[in-house]
Amino acid sequence: MYNFKVNYPVNIDDISESNNSVEIYPNPVKDNLSIKNAENSKIKIYNVLGEEILEIKSASDNETINLEKYKKGTYFVKIFNKKEVIVKKIVLNN
């Protein structure tokens, strides 16, 4: 029998909780999603099938993304900055 210990995040919730620098709100979101502390980041949004539906390059510290043309449901926001990749789950209720 082998025993081993996993010391790194193993799911999306662990990754999200480990980062306090980027804020995404409101969640659930109706029309406009705000992302704080995202300067010089690439932001991608994926649906639950893993299909990329949006990609933007953030030049400002506070980014607002209009999501009213997308269907209700669960999406994942992936933020790529110089230090790390952050994944957060959002719910769209428009």
PDB file of N, CA and C in Angstrom:
ATOM      1  N   MET A   1       0.841  -1.176   0.000  1.00  0.00           N
ATOM      2  CA  MET A   1       0.000   0.000   0.000  1.00  0.00           C
ATOM      3  C   MET A   1       0.887   1.240   0.000  1.00  0.00           C
ATOM      4  N   TYR A   2       0.478   2.230  -0.798  1.00  0.00           N
ATOM      5  CA  TYR A   2       1.223   3.478  -0.898  1.00  0.00           C
ATOM      6  C   TYR A   2       0.410   4.597  -0.263  1.00  0.00           C
ATOM      7  N   ASN A   3       1.081   5.456   0.448  1.00  0.00           N
ATOM      8  CA  ASN A   3       0.451   6.643   1.025  1.00  0.00           C
ATOM      9  C   ASN A   3       1.176   7.871   0.517  1.00  0.00           C
ATOM     10  N   PHE A   4       0.415   8.896   0.162  1.00  0.00           N
ATOM     11  CA  PHE A   4       1.021  10.157  -0.243  1.00  0.00           C
ATOM     12  C   PHE A   4       0.094  11.293   0.145  1.00  0.00           C
ATOM     13  N   LYS A   5       0.662  12.466   0.267  1.00  0.00           N
ATOM     14  CA  LYS A   5      -0.089  13.647   0.680  1.00  0.00           C
ATOM     15  C   LYS A   5      -0.047  14.677  -0.446  1.00  0.00           C
ATOM     16  N   VAL A   6      -1.203  15.232  -0.763  1.00  0.00           N
ATOM     17  CA  VAL A   6      -1.306  16.255  -1.799  1.00  0.00           C
ATOM     18  C   VAL A   6      -1.262  17.617  -1.122  1.00  0.00           C
ATOM     19  N   ASN A   7      -0.305  18.460  -1.520  1.00  0.00           N
ATOM     20  CA  ASN A   7      -0.125  19.764  -0.887  1.00  0.00           C
ATOM     21  C   ASN A   7      -0.412  20.935  -1.811  1.00  0.00           C
ATOM     22  N   TYR A   8      -1.168  20.748  -2.849  1.00  0.00           N
ATOM     23  CA  TYR A   8      -1.467  21.827  -3.777  1.00  0.00           C
ATOM     24  C   TYR A   8      -2.967  21.836  -4.053  1.00  0.00           C
ATOM     25  N   PRO A   9      -3.489  22.943  -4.576  1.00  0.00           N
ATOM     26  CA  PRO A   9      -4.929  23.013  -4.847  1.00  0.00           C
ATOM     27  C   PRO A   9      -5.359  21.919  -5.816  1.00  0.00           C
ATOM     28  N   VAL A  10      -6.495  21.299  -5.507  1.00  0.00           N
ATOM     29  CA  VAL A  10      -6.981  20.221  -6.360  1.00  0.00           C
ATOM     30  C   VAL A  10      -8.323  20.533  -7.005  1.00  0.00           C
ATOM     31  N   ASN A  11      -8.859  21.723  -6.755  1.00  0.00           N
ATOM     32  CA  ASN A  11     -10.096  22.110  -7.431  1.00  0.00           C
ATOM     33  C   ASN A  11     -10.169  23.619  -7.568  1.00  0.00           C
ATOM     34  N   ILE A  12     -11.155  24.091  -8.282  1.00  0.00           N
ATOM     35  CA  ILE A  12     -11.287  25.520  -8.568  1.00  0.00           C
ATOM     36  C   ILE A  12     -11.499  26.334  -7.297  1.00  0.00           C
ATOM     37  N   ASP A  13     -12.286  25.818  -6.342  1.00  0.00           N
ATOM     38  CA  ASP A  13     -12.528  26.560  -5.107  1.00  0.00           C
ATOM     39  C   ASP A  13     -11.234  26.820  -4.343  1.00  0.00           C
ATOM     40  N   ASP A  14     -10.322  25.829  -4.294  1.00  0.00           N
ATOM     41  CA  ASP A  14      -9.042  26.021  -3.614  1.00  0.00           C
ATOM     42  C   ASP A  14      -8.220  27.112  -4.276  1.00  0.00           C
ATOM     43  N   ILE A  15      -8.227  27.147  -5.590  1.00  0.00           N
ATOM     44  CA  ILE A  15      -7.474  28.169  -6.309  1.00  0.00           C
ATOM     45  C   ILE A  15      -8.053  29.542  -6.022  1.00  0.00           C
ATOM     46  N   SER A  16      -9.362  29.663  -6.054  1.00  0.00           N
ATOM     47  CA  SER A  16     -10.017  30.944  -5.824  1.00  0.00           C
ATOM     48  C   SER A  16      -9.753  31.462  -4.417  1.00  0.00           C
ATOM     49  N   GLU A  17      -9.833  30.583  -3.431  1.00  0.00           N
ATOM     50  CA  GLU A  17      -9.646  31.013  -2.060  1.00  0.00           C
ATOM     51  C   GLU A  17      -8.204  31.388  -1.756  1.00  0.00           C
ATOM     52  N   SER A  18      -7.272  30.849  -2.521  1.00  0.00           N
ATOM     53  CA  SER A  18      -5.867  31.128  -2.246  1.00  0.00           C
ATOM     54  C   SER A  18      -5.439  32.510  -2.725  1.00  0.00           C
ATOM     55  N   ASN A  19      -6.313  33.195  -3.486  1.00  0.00           N
ATOM     56  CA  ASN A  19      -5.940  34.501  -4.017  1.00  0.00           C
ATOM     57  C   ASN A  19      -6.912  35.561  -3.543  1.00  0.00           C
ATOM     58  N   ASN A  20      -6.402  36.572  -2.872  1.00  0.00           N
ATOM     59  CA  ASN A  20      -7.244  37.661  -2.396  1.00  0.00           C
ATOM     60  C   ASN A  20      -7.009  38.947  -3.158  1.00  0.00           C
ATOM     61  N   SER A  21      -6.109  38.961  -4.130  1.00  0.00           N
ATOM     62  CA  SER A  21      -5.754  40.209  -4.792  1.00  0.00           C
ATOM     63  C   SER A  21      -6.756  40.623  -5.860  1.00  0.00           C
ATOM     64  N   VAL A  22      -7.360  39.687  -6.568  1.00  0.00           N
ATOM     65  CA  VAL A  22      -8.310  40.014  -7.623  1.00  0.00           C
ATOM     66  C   VAL A  22      -9.724  39.828  -7.082  1.00  0.00           C
ATOM     67  N   GLU A  23     -10.570  40.840  -7.306  1.00  0.00           N
ATOM     68  CA  GLU A  23     -11.964  40.771  -6.863  1.00  0.00           C
ATOM     69  C   GLU A  23     -12.878  40.777  -8.072  1.00  0.00           C
ATOM     70  N   ILE A  24     -13.853  39.875  -8.068  1.00  0.00           N
ATOM     71  CA  ILE A  24     -14.858  39.811  -9.126  1.00  0.00           C
ATOM     72  C   ILE A  24     -16.219  39.984  -8.467  1.00  0.00           C
ATOM     73  N   TYR A  25     -17.001  40.946  -8.952  1.00  0.00           N
ATOM     74  CA  TYR A  25     -18.308  41.214  -8.354  1.00  0.00           C
ATOM     75  C   TYR A  25     -19.212  41.907  -9.359  1.00  0.00           C
ATOM     76  N   PRO A  26     -20.515  41.887  -9.197  1.00  0.00           N
ATOM     77  CA  PRO A  26     -21.257  41.066  -8.234  1.00  0.00           C
ATOM     78  C   PRO A  26     -21.322  39.621  -8.717  1.00  0.00           C
ATOM     79  N   ASN A  27     -21.617  38.735  -7.832  1.00  0.00           N
ATOM     80  CA  ASN A  27     -21.790  37.332  -8.181  1.00  0.00           C
ATOM     81  C   ASN A  27     -22.880  36.758  -7.295  1.00  0.00           C
ATOM     82  N   PRO A  28     -24.035  36.459  -7.857  1.00  0.00           N
ATOM     83  CA  PRO A  28     -24.370  36.401  -9.273  1.00  0.00           C
ATOM     84  C   PRO A  28     -24.409  37.781  -9.927  1.00  0.00           C
ATOM     85  N   VAL A  29     -24.194  37.780 -11.244  1.00  0.00           N
ATOM     86  CA  VAL A  29     -24.133  39.016 -12.027  1.00  0.00           C
ATOM     87  C   VAL A  29     -25.350  39.083 -12.937  1.00  0.00           C
ATOM     88  N   LYS A  30     -25.871  40.306 -13.138  1.00  0.00           N
ATOM     89  CA  LYS A  30     -27.010  40.480 -14.037  1.00  0.00           C
ATOM     90  C   LYS A  30     -26.550  40.970 -15.408  1.00  0.00           C
ATOM     91  N   ASP A  31     -25.888  42.109 -15.470  1.00  0.00           N
ATOM     92  CA  ASP A  31     -25.462  42.690 -16.747  1.00  0.00           C
ATOM     93  C   ASP A  31     -23.958  42.931 -16.813  1.00  0.00           C
ATOM     94  N   ASN A  32     -23.434  43.673 -15.843  1.00  0.00           N
ATOM     95  CA  ASN A  32     -22.030  44.088 -15.873  1.00  0.00           C
ATOM     96  C   ASN A  32     -21.227  43.427 -14.760  1.00  0.00           C
ATOM     97  N   LEU A  33     -20.147  42.780 -15.154  1.00  0.00           N
ATOM     98  CA  LEU A  33     -19.239  42.145 -14.214  1.00  0.00           C
ATOM     99  C   LEU A  33     -18.057  43.075 -13.992  1.00  0.00           C
ATOM    100  N   SER A  34     -17.728  43.332 -12.747  1.00  0.00           N
ATOM    101  CA  SER A  34     -16.583  44.180 -12.410  1.00  0.00           C
ATOM    102  C   SER A  34     -15.433  43.319 -11.913  1.00  0.00           C
ATOM    103  N   ILE A  35     -14.243  43.656 -12.380  1.00  0.00           N
ATOM    104  CA  ILE A  35     -13.038  42.956 -11.943  1.00  0.00           C
ATOM    105  C   ILE A  35     -12.060  44.004 -11.440  1.00  0.00           C
ATOM    106  N   LYS A  36     -11.677  43.873 -10.177  1.00  0.00           N
ATOM    107  CA  LYS A  36     -10.780  44.829  -9.525  1.00  0.00           C
ATOM    108  C   LYS A  36      -9.388  44.211  -9.401  1.00  0.00           C
ATOM    109  N   ASN A  37      -8.368  45.022  -9.571  1.00  0.00           N
ATOM    110  CA  ASN A  37      -6.958  44.607  -9.493  1.00  0.00           C
ATOM    111  C   ASN A  37      -6.575  43.680 -10.645  1.00  0.00           C
ATOM    112  N   ALA A  38      -7.015  44.027 -11.847  1.00  0.00           N
ATOM    113  CA  ALA A  38      -6.741  43.185 -13.017  1.00  0.00           C
ATOM    114  C   ALA A  38      -5.854  43.877 -14.043  1.00  0.00           C
ATOM    115  N   GLU A  39      -5.123  44.893 -13.619  1.00  0.00           N
ATOM    116  CA  GLU A  39      -4.300  45.655 -14.558  1.00  0.00           C
ATOM    117  C   GLU A  39      -3.269  44.768 -15.250  1.00  0.00           C
ATOM    118  N   ASN A  40      -3.103  44.985 -16.563  1.00  0.00           N
ATOM    119  CA  ASN A  40      -2.161  44.229 -17.397  1.00  0.00           C
ATOM    120  C   ASN A  40      -2.420  42.723 -17.365  1.00  0.00           C
ATOM    121  N   SER A  41      -3.687  42.355 -17.330  1.00  0.00           N
ATOM    122  CA  SER A  41      -4.069  40.945 -17.324  1.00  0.00           C
ATOM    123  C   SER A  41      -4.840  40.593 -18.583  1.00  0.00           C
ATOM    124  N   LYS A  42      -4.784  39.327 -18.934  1.00  0.00           N
ATOM    125  CA  LYS A  42      -5.654  38.802 -19.978  1.00  0.00           C
ATOM    126  C   LYS A  42      -6.811  38.124 -19.256  1.00  0.00           C
ATOM    127  N   ILE A  43      -8.036  38.438 -19.659  1.00  0.00           N
ATOM    128  CA  ILE A  43      -9.228  37.892 -19.020  1.00  0.00           C
ATOM    129  C   ILE A  43      -9.989  37.074 -20.055  1.00  0.00           C
ATOM    130  N   LYS A  44     -10.271  35.828 -19.700  1.00  0.00           N
ATOM    131  CA  LYS A  44     -11.049  34.954 -20.576  1.00  0.00           C
ATOM    132  C   LYS A  44     -12.254  34.441 -19.794  1.00  0.00           C
ATOM    133  N   ILE A  45     -13.382  34.314 -20.498  1.00  0.00           N
ATOM    134  CA  ILE A  45     -14.583  33.766 -19.881  1.00  0.00           C
ATOM    135  C   ILE A  45     -14.992  32.530 -20.671  1.00  0.00           C
ATOM    136  N   TYR A  46     -15.279  31.452 -19.924  1.00  0.00           N
ATOM    137  CA  TYR A  46     -15.647  30.168 -20.514  1.00  0.00           C
ATOM    138  C   TYR A  46     -17.029  29.745 -20.036  1.00  0.00           C
ATOM    139  N   ASN A  47     -17.767  29.029 -20.896  1.00  0.00           N
ATOM    140  CA  ASN A  47     -19.027  28.442 -20.457  1.00  0.00           C
ATOM    141  C   ASN A  47     -18.735  27.102 -19.788  1.00  0.00           C
ATOM    142  N   VAL A  48     -19.787  26.405 -19.329  1.00  0.00           N
ATOM    143  CA  VAL A  48     -19.573  25.148 -18.607  1.00  0.00           C
ATOM    144  C   VAL A  48     -19.062  24.021 -19.504  1.00  0.00           C
ATOM    145  N   LEU A  49     -19.142  24.205 -20.805  1.00  0.00           N
ATOM    146  CA  LEU A  49     -18.601  23.212 -21.733  1.00  0.00           C
ATOM    147  C   LEU A  49     -17.114  23.436 -21.999  1.00  0.00           C
ATOM    148  N   GLY A  50     -16.560  24.499 -21.409  1.00  0.00           N
ATOM    149  CA  GLY A  50     -15.147  24.808 -21.606  1.00  0.00           C
ATOM    150  C   GLY A  50     -14.872  25.630 -22.844  1.00  0.00           C
ATOM    151  N   GLU A  51     -15.930  26.123 -23.483  1.00  0.00           N
ATOM    152  CA  GLU A  51     -15.770  26.939 -24.686  1.00  0.00           C
ATOM    153  C   GLU A  51     -15.508  28.388 -24.299  1.00  0.00           C
ATOM    154  N   GLU A  52     -14.485  28.971 -24.881  1.00  0.00           N
ATOM    155  CA  GLU A  52     -14.173  30.376 -24.614  1.00  0.00           C
ATOM    156  C   GLU A  52     -15.220  31.251 -25.303  1.00  0.00           C
ATOM    157  N   ILE A  53     -15.865  32.125 -24.527  1.00  0.00           N
ATOM    158  CA  ILE A  53     -16.886  32.998 -25.111  1.00  0.00           C
ATOM    159  C   ILE A  53     -16.422  34.443 -25.210  1.00  0.00           C
ATOM    160  N   LEU A  54     -15.359  34.783 -24.485  1.00  0.00           N
ATOM    161  CA  LEU A  54     -14.897  36.167 -24.475  1.00  0.00           C
ATOM    162  C   LEU A  54     -13.441  36.225 -24.045  1.00  0.00           C
ATOM    163  N   GLU A  55     -12.682  37.125 -24.669  1.00  0.00           N
ATOM    164  CA  GLU A  55     -11.304  37.384 -24.250  1.00  0.00           C
ATOM    165  C   GLU A  55     -11.046  38.871 -24.363  1.00  0.00           C
ATOM    166  N   ILE A  56     -10.503  39.447 -23.296  1.00  0.00           N
ATOM    167  CA  ILE A  56     -10.123  40.861 -23.330  1.00  0.00           C
ATOM    168  C   ILE A  56      -8.757  41.018 -22.676  1.00  0.00           C
ATOM    169  N   LYS A  57      -8.091  42.100 -23.018  1.00  0.00           N
ATOM    170  CA  LYS A  57      -6.829  42.465 -22.381  1.00  0.00           C
ATOM    171  C   LYS A  57      -7.108  43.703 -21.544  1.00  0.00           C
ATOM    172  N   SER A  58      -6.897  43.596 -20.254  1.00  0.00           N
ATOM    173  CA  SER A  58      -7.195  44.689 -19.340  1.00  0.00           C
ATOM    174  C   SER A  58      -6.019  45.650 -19.248  1.00  0.00           C
ATOM    175  N   ALA A  59      -6.292  46.911 -19.513  1.00  0.00           N
ATOM    176  CA  ALA A  59      -5.260  47.939 -19.403  1.00  0.00           C
ATOM    177  C   ALA A  59      -5.419  48.742 -18.118  1.00  0.00           C
ATOM    178  N   SER A  60      -6.591  48.627 -17.501  1.00  0.00           N
ATOM    179  CA  SER A  60      -6.839  49.399 -16.279  1.00  0.00           C
ATOM    180  C   SER A  60      -6.955  48.468 -15.078  1.00  0.00           C
ATOM    181  N   ASP A  61      -6.866  49.044 -13.902  1.00  0.00           N
ATOM    182  CA  ASP A  61      -6.953  48.287 -12.664  1.00  0.00           C
ATOM    183  C   ASP A  61      -8.364  47.762 -12.423  1.00  0.00           C
ATOM    184  N   ASN A  62      -9.371  48.533 -12.850  1.00  0.00           N
ATOM    185  CA  ASN A  62     -10.767  48.140 -12.682  1.00  0.00           C
ATOM    186  C   ASN A  62     -11.406  47.956 -14.052  1.00  0.00           C
ATOM    187  N   GLU A  63     -11.840  46.749 -14.323  1.00  0.00           N
ATOM    188  CA  GLU A  63     -12.417  46.406 -15.619  1.00  0.00           C
ATOM    189  C   GLU A  63     -13.900  46.093 -15.443  1.00  0.00           C
ATOM    190  N   THR A  64     -14.729  46.562 -16.380  1.00  0.00           N
ATOM    191  CA  THR A  64     -16.156  46.237 -16.386  1.00  0.00           C
ATOM    192  C   THR A  64     -16.469  45.528 -17.693  1.00  0.00           C
ATOM    193  N   ILE A  65     -17.112  44.371 -17.579  1.00  0.00           N
ATOM    194  CA  ILE A  65     -17.437  43.560 -18.752  1.00  0.00           C
ATOM    195  C   ILE A  65     -18.948  43.418 -18.844  1.00  0.00           C
ATOM    196  N   ASN A  66     -19.515  43.803 -19.991  1.00  0.00           N
ATOM    197  CA  ASN A  66     -20.953  43.680 -20.200  1.00  0.00           C
ATOM    198  C   ASN A  66     -21.265  42.260 -20.666  1.00  0.00           C
ATOM    199  N   LEU A  67     -22.134  41.570 -19.911  1.00  0.00           N
ATOM    200  CA  LEU A  67     -22.471  40.179 -20.208  1.00  0.00           C
ATOM    201  C   LEU A  67     -23.934  39.993 -20.590  1.00  0.00           C
ATOM    202  N   GLU A  68     -24.662  41.086 -20.859  1.00  0.00           N
ATOM    203  CA  GLU A  68     -26.100  40.962 -21.074  1.00  0.00           C
ATOM    204  C   GLU A  68     -26.473  40.178 -22.330  1.00  0.00           C
ATOM    205  N   LYS A  69     -25.571  40.020 -23.288  1.00  0.00           N
ATOM    206  CA  LYS A  69     -25.905  39.280 -24.510  1.00  0.00           C
ATOM    207  C   LYS A  69     -25.728  37.765 -24.356  1.00  0.00           C
ATOM    208  N   TYR A  70     -25.199  37.323 -23.218  1.00  0.00           N
ATOM    209  CA  TYR A  70     -24.976  35.897 -22.991  1.00  0.00           C
ATOM    210  C   TYR A  70     -26.137  35.287 -22.211  1.00  0.00           C
ATOM    211  N   LYS A  71     -26.323  33.975 -22.364  1.00  0.00           N
ATOM    212  CA  LYS A  71     -27.417  33.259 -21.715  1.00  0.00           C
ATOM    213  C   LYS A  71     -27.162  33.087 -20.221  1.00  0.00           C
ATOM    214  N   LYS A  72     -28.258  32.950 -19.464  1.00  0.00           N
ATOM    215  CA  LYS A  72     -28.156  32.632 -18.040  1.00  0.00           C
ATOM    216  C   LYS A  72     -27.359  31.354 -17.861  1.00  0.00           C
ATOM    217  N   GLY A  73     -26.629  31.281 -16.762  1.00  0.00           N
ATOM    218  CA  GLY A  73     -25.904  30.051 -16.477  1.00  0.00           C
ATOM    219  C   GLY A  73     -24.631  30.284 -15.698  1.00  0.00           C
ATOM    220  N   THR A  74     -23.854  29.237 -15.586  1.00  0.00           N
ATOM    221  CA  THR A  74     -22.587  29.262 -14.863  1.00  0.00           C
ATOM    222  C   THR A  74     -21.444  29.443 -15.857  1.00  0.00           C
ATOM    223  N   TYR A  75     -20.522  30.311 -15.500  1.00  0.00           N
ATOM    224  CA  TYR A  75     -19.361  30.602 -16.343  1.00  0.00           C
ATOM    225  C   TYR A  75     -18.113  30.616 -15.469  1.00  0.00           C
ATOM    226  N   PHE A  76     -16.969  30.520 -16.104  1.00  0.00           N
ATOM    227  CA  PHE A  76     -15.695  30.587 -15.399  1.00  0.00           C
ATOM    228  C   PHE A  76     -14.871  31.737 -15.958  1.00  0.00           C
ATOM    229  N   VAL A  77     -14.363  32.560 -15.060  1.00  0.00           N
ATOM    230  CA  VAL A  77     -13.518  33.692 -15.434  1.00  0.00           C
ATOM    231  C   VAL A  77     -12.079  33.285 -15.130  1.00  0.00           C
ATOM    232  N   LYS A  78     -11.234  33.364 -16.136  1.00  0.00           N
ATOM    233  CA  LYS A  78      -9.823  33.009 -15.981  1.00  0.00           C
ATOM    234  C   LYS A  78      -9.010  34.269 -16.218  1.00  0.00           C
ATOM    235  N   ILE A  79      -8.208  34.632 -15.227  1.00  0.00           N
ATOM    236  CA  ILE A  79      -7.410  35.853 -15.287  1.00  0.00           C
ATOM    237  C   ILE A  79      -5.930  35.467 -15.287  1.00  0.00           C
ATOM    238  N   PHE A  80      -5.234  35.889 -16.330  1.00  0.00           N
ATOM    239  CA  PHE A  80      -3.804  35.610 -16.482  1.00  0.00           C
ATOM    240  C   PHE A  80      -3.049  36.899 -16.199  1.00  0.00           C
ATOM    241  N   ASN A  81      -2.245  36.923 -15.141  1.00  0.00           N
ATOM    242  CA  ASN A  81      -1.387  38.080 -14.905  1.00  0.00           C
ATOM    243  C   ASN A  81       0.060  37.604 -14.825  1.00  0.00           C
ATOM    244  N   LYS A  82       0.964  38.493 -14.485  1.00  0.00           N
ATOM    245  CA  LYS A  82       2.393  38.144 -14.486  1.00  0.00           C
ATOM    246  C   LYS A  82       2.749  37.094 -13.439  1.00  0.00           C
ATOM    247  N   LYS A  83       2.001  37.069 -12.320  1.00  0.00           N
ATOM    248  CA  LYS A  83       2.337  36.181 -11.217  1.00  0.00           C
ATOM    249  C   LYS A  83       1.622  34.839 -11.240  1.00  0.00           C
ATOM    250  N   GLU A  84       0.379  34.805 -11.770  1.00  0.00           N
ATOM    251  CA  GLU A  84      -0.424  33.602 -11.606  1.00  0.00           C
ATOM    252  C   GLU A  84      -1.606  33.567 -12.571  1.00  0.00           C
ATOM    253  N   VAL A  85      -2.308  32.464 -12.533  1.00  0.00           N
ATOM    254  CA  VAL A  85      -3.568  32.309 -13.253  1.00  0.00           C
ATOM    255  C   VAL A  85      -4.646  32.090 -12.200  1.00  0.00           C
ATOM    256  N   ILE A  86      -5.692  32.899 -12.260  1.00  0.00           N
ATOM    257  CA  ILE A  86      -6.771  32.843 -11.278  1.00  0.00           C
ATOM    258  C   ILE A  86      -8.036  32.394 -11.988  1.00  0.00           C
ATOM    259  N   VAL A  87      -8.747  31.447 -11.397  1.00  0.00           N
ATOM    260  CA  VAL A  87     -10.010  30.968 -11.958  1.00  0.00           C
ATOM    261  C   VAL A  87     -11.106  31.187 -10.929  1.00  0.00           C
ATOM    262  N   LYS A  88     -12.193  31.853 -11.363  1.00  0.00           N
ATOM    263  CA  LYS A  88     -13.336  32.085 -10.480  1.00  0.00           C
ATOM    264  C   LYS A  88     -14.613  31.710 -11.212  1.00  0.00           C
ATOM    265  N   LYS A  89     -15.545  31.154 -10.470  1.00  0.00           N
ATOM    266  CA  LYS A  89     -16.843  30.778 -11.028  1.00  0.00           C
ATOM    267  C   LYS A  89     -17.822  31.923 -10.816  1.00  0.00           C
ATOM    268  N   ILE A  90     -18.618  32.229 -11.858  1.00  0.00           N
ATOM    269  CA  ILE A  90     -19.667  33.238 -11.734  1.00  0.00           C
ATOM    270  C   ILE A  90     -20.984  32.650 -12.227  1.00  0.00           C
ATOM    271  N   VAL A  91     -22.082  33.227 -11.745  1.00  0.00           N
ATOM    272  CA  VAL A  91     -23.414  32.846 -12.191  1.00  0.00           C
ATOM    273  C   VAL A  91     -24.033  34.061 -12.851  1.00  0.00           C
ATOM    274  N   LEU A  92     -24.514  33.881 -14.081  1.00  0.00           N
ATOM    275  CA  LEU A  92     -25.139  34.966 -14.839  1.00  0.00           C
ATOM    276  C   LEU A  92     -26.652  34.808 -14.762  1.00  0.00           C
ATOM    277  N   ASN A  93     -27.336  35.821 -14.203  1.00  0.00           N
ATOM    278  CA  ASN A  93     -28.795  35.834 -14.054  1.00  0.00           C
ATOM    279  C   ASN A  93     -29.363  37.048 -14.753  1.00  0.00           C
ATOM    280  N   ASN A  94     -29.393  37.069 -16.063  1.00  0.00           N
ATOM    281  CA  ASN A  94     -29.914  38.240 -16.767  1.00  0.00           C
ATOM    282  C   ASN A  94     -31.333  38.040 -17.247  1.00  0.00           C
TER     283      ASN A  94
END
